[in-house]
Amino acid sequence: MERIAVSAARSAPTPTSRTRLCSLCRCHLSRYNSEDLCSGCARSGIAVQPALCVPPRVWARQDVRDALLHKDFGRLCQLVREYGHLRQEDMAVLTGLSQAFLSMLESGQRRLTNIDRITLLLDGLNAPVDITGPMLRPLAAAPGPPLWTAS
């Protein structure tokens, strides 16, 4: 009986100044875990992810502008991912297109020809309207006077 009491006392965690807790579930973090989340919370996706966006410097690059000019959306996605330090999963979150579709698009197995999907891609990536042109991203109509009035 004494042995059980001694071993139980040793296994119970003792609070120290180094004890860290998961910021979501408040469980004890391993000393080898340098993050603020336990592995369970990190895998669950509950944690708020940092806001994903394409840095404006990406759109200033000539090769990105050329890919957009030639409507080579597979190459455009590759370049945006490379220069923006994004993963295909990140691009999928931004655009609403699936990661599998983006992979096939980048590899040349699929082409992007549907204008709705093109708009979805460019809006999700927050491509500047001045380089996409009004055909690919129509400007919102400004409210103005009605075209005709009833008398």
Protein backbone atom coordinates (compact mmCIF):
# COMPACT_ATOMS: atom_id res chain seq x y z
CA MET A 1 0.00 0.00 0.00
CA GLU A 2 2.81 2.39 0.73
CA ARG A 3 4.28 1.86 -2.71
CA ILE A 4 1.05 2.86 -4.41
CA ALA A 5 0.82 6.04 -2.40
CA VAL A 6 4.43 6.94 -3.20
CA SER A 7 4.07 6.24 -6.94
CA ALA A 8 0.79 8.16 -7.11
CA ALA A 9 2.43 11.12 -5.43
CA ARG A 10 5.26 11.06 -7.96
CA SER A 11 2.98 10.90 -11.01
CA ALA A 12 0.80 13.84 -10.02
CA PRO A 13 2.02 17.00 -11.71
CA THR A 14 3.25 19.61 -9.33
CA PRO A 15 2.54 23.20 -10.28
CA THR A 16 5.68 25.13 -11.02
CA SER A 17 6.44 28.40 -12.65
CA ARG A 18 7.21 26.45 -15.85
CA THR A 19 3.83 24.73 -16.10
CA ARG A 20 2.09 25.91 -19.24
CA LEU A 21 -1.51 25.31 -20.21
CA CYS A 22 -3.21 24.99 -23.59
CA SER A 23 -4.85 28.31 -24.38
CA LEU A 24 -8.08 26.57 -25.44
CA CYS A 25 -8.70 23.49 -23.28
CA ARG A 26 -6.38 24.44 -20.39
CA CYS A 27 -4.66 21.01 -20.27
CA HIS A 28 -0.97 20.83 -19.38
CA LEU A 29 1.39 21.30 -22.31
CA SER A 30 4.41 19.10 -22.79
CA ARG A 31 7.76 20.69 -22.11
CA TYR A 32 8.65 19.78 -25.69
CA ASN A 33 5.69 21.69 -27.13
CA SER A 34 6.74 25.22 -28.01
CA GLU A 35 3.22 26.20 -29.15
CA ASP A 36 0.39 27.65 -27.07
CA LEU A 37 -1.98 24.80 -28.04
CA CYS A 38 -1.97 21.12 -27.21
CA SER A 39 -1.76 18.77 -30.18
CA GLY A 40 -5.45 17.85 -29.88
CA CYS A 41 -6.62 21.44 -30.12
CA ALA A 42 -4.15 22.19 -32.91
CA ARG A 43 -5.45 19.22 -34.95
CA SER A 44 -9.11 20.04 -34.31
CA GLY A 45 -8.87 23.33 -36.19
CA ILE A 46 -10.81 25.12 -33.46
CA ALA A 47 -7.97 27.55 -32.94
CA VAL A 48 -8.25 30.83 -34.76
CA GLN A 49 -5.90 30.77 -37.70
CA PRO A 50 -3.97 33.88 -38.66
CA ALA A 51 -5.64 35.86 -41.39
CA LEU A 52 -4.51 34.59 -44.75
CA CYS A 53 -3.91 37.05 -47.53
CA VAL A 54 -1.76 37.59 -50.57
CA PRO A 55 0.82 40.30 -49.87
CA PRO A 56 0.51 43.31 -52.22
CA ARG A 57 4.15 42.89 -53.31
CA VAL A 58 3.14 39.68 -55.14
CA TRP A 59 0.94 41.60 -57.55
CA ALA A 60 3.80 43.99 -58.40
CA ARG A 61 5.92 41.16 -59.86
CA GLN A 62 6.08 41.07 -63.65
CA ASP A 63 5.83 37.26 -63.96
CA VAL A 64 2.60 37.31 -61.93
CA ARG A 65 1.19 40.06 -64.13
CA ASP A 66 2.23 38.13 -67.27
CA ALA A 67 0.49 34.96 -66.07
CA LEU A 68 -2.65 36.99 -65.46
CA LEU A 69 -2.37 38.74 -68.84
CA HIS A 70 -2.15 35.36 -70.61
CA LYS A 71 -4.95 33.97 -68.42
CA ASP A 72 -2.65 31.15 -67.31
CA PHE A 73 -4.37 30.61 -63.97
CA GLY A 74 -2.36 27.49 -63.13
CA ARG A 75 0.89 29.43 -63.38
CA LEU A 76 -0.72 32.36 -61.57
CA CYS A 77 -1.62 30.12 -58.62
CA GLN A 78 1.91 28.67 -58.51
CA LEU A 79 3.48 32.11 -58.46
CA VAL A 80 1.07 33.55 -55.91
CA ARG A 81 1.69 30.57 -53.63
CA GLU A 82 5.46 30.78 -54.04
CA TYR A 83 5.80 34.53 -53.55
CA GLY A 84 3.04 34.77 -50.95
CA HIS A 85 4.38 31.81 -48.93
CA LEU A 86 1.03 30.04 -49.05
CA ARG A 87 0.07 26.37 -49.25
CA GLN A 88 -2.55 24.96 -51.59
CA GLU A 89 -4.77 24.51 -48.54
CA ASP A 90 -4.38 28.22 -47.79
CA MET A 91 -5.34 29.06 -51.37
CA ALA A 92 -8.38 26.79 -51.07
CA VAL A 93 -9.49 28.63 -47.93
CA LEU A 94 -9.02 32.01 -49.63
CA THR A 95 -10.72 31.16 -52.92
CA GLY A 96 -13.33 28.57 -52.05
CA LEU A 97 -11.90 26.26 -54.71
CA SER A 98 -10.87 22.81 -53.53
CA GLN A 99 -7.23 21.97 -52.86
CA ALA A 100 -7.51 19.04 -55.31
CA PHE A 101 -8.77 21.37 -58.05
CA LEU A 102 -5.98 23.85 -57.38
CA SER A 103 -3.43 21.04 -57.58
CA MET A 104 -4.78 19.90 -60.95
CA LEU A 105 -4.90 23.50 -62.14
CA GLU A 106 -1.25 24.07 -61.24
CA SER A 107 -0.12 20.80 -62.82
CA GLY A 108 -1.96 21.56 -66.06
CA GLN A 109 -4.43 18.68 -65.73
CA ARG A 110 -7.35 21.12 -65.50
CA ARG A 111 -8.02 24.54 -66.97
CA LEU A 112 -10.00 27.37 -65.50
CA THR A 113 -12.48 28.59 -68.12
CA ASN A 114 -15.66 29.22 -66.14
CA ILE A 115 -15.98 32.97 -65.56
CA ASP A 116 -17.68 32.41 -62.20
CA ARG A 117 -14.73 30.34 -60.98
CA ILE A 118 -12.25 32.84 -62.40
CA THR A 119 -14.01 35.60 -60.48
CA LEU A 120 -14.05 33.42 -57.37
CA LEU A 121 -10.29 32.84 -57.69
CA LEU A 122 -9.38 36.48 -58.29
CA ASP A 123 -11.71 37.80 -55.59
CA GLY A 124 -10.38 35.27 -53.09
CA LEU A 125 -6.80 36.22 -53.86
CA ASN A 126 -7.77 39.90 -53.67
CA ALA A 127 -6.19 40.61 -57.05
CA PRO A 128 -6.13 44.34 -57.81
CA VAL A 129 -8.80 45.34 -60.31
CA ASP A 130 -6.34 47.56 -62.18
CA ILE A 131 -4.36 44.52 -63.36
CA THR A 132 -7.24 42.08 -63.84
CA GLY A 133 -9.33 44.37 -65.98
CA PRO A 134 -13.08 44.88 -65.96
CA MET A 135 -13.76 41.73 -68.01
CA LEU A 136 -12.35 39.44 -65.34
CA ARG A 137 -13.56 41.41 -62.33
CA PRO A 138 -16.42 43.75 -63.15
CA LEU A 139 -16.57 46.86 -61.06
CA ALA A 140 -19.62 47.25 -58.86
CA ALA A 141 -22.12 49.59 -60.41
CA ALA A 142 -22.17 52.92 -58.68
CA PRO A 143 -25.59 54.01 -57.47
CA GLY A 144 -26.89 56.79 -59.60
CA PRO A 145 -30.09 58.32 -60.87
CA PRO A 146 -32.56 55.93 -62.46
CA LEU A 147 -32.39 55.56 -66.22
CA TRP A 148 -36.02 56.61 -66.58
CA THR A 149 -38.62 58.11 -64.32
CA ALA A 150 -42.33 57.52 -64.16
CA SER A 151 -44.44 60.64 -64.55
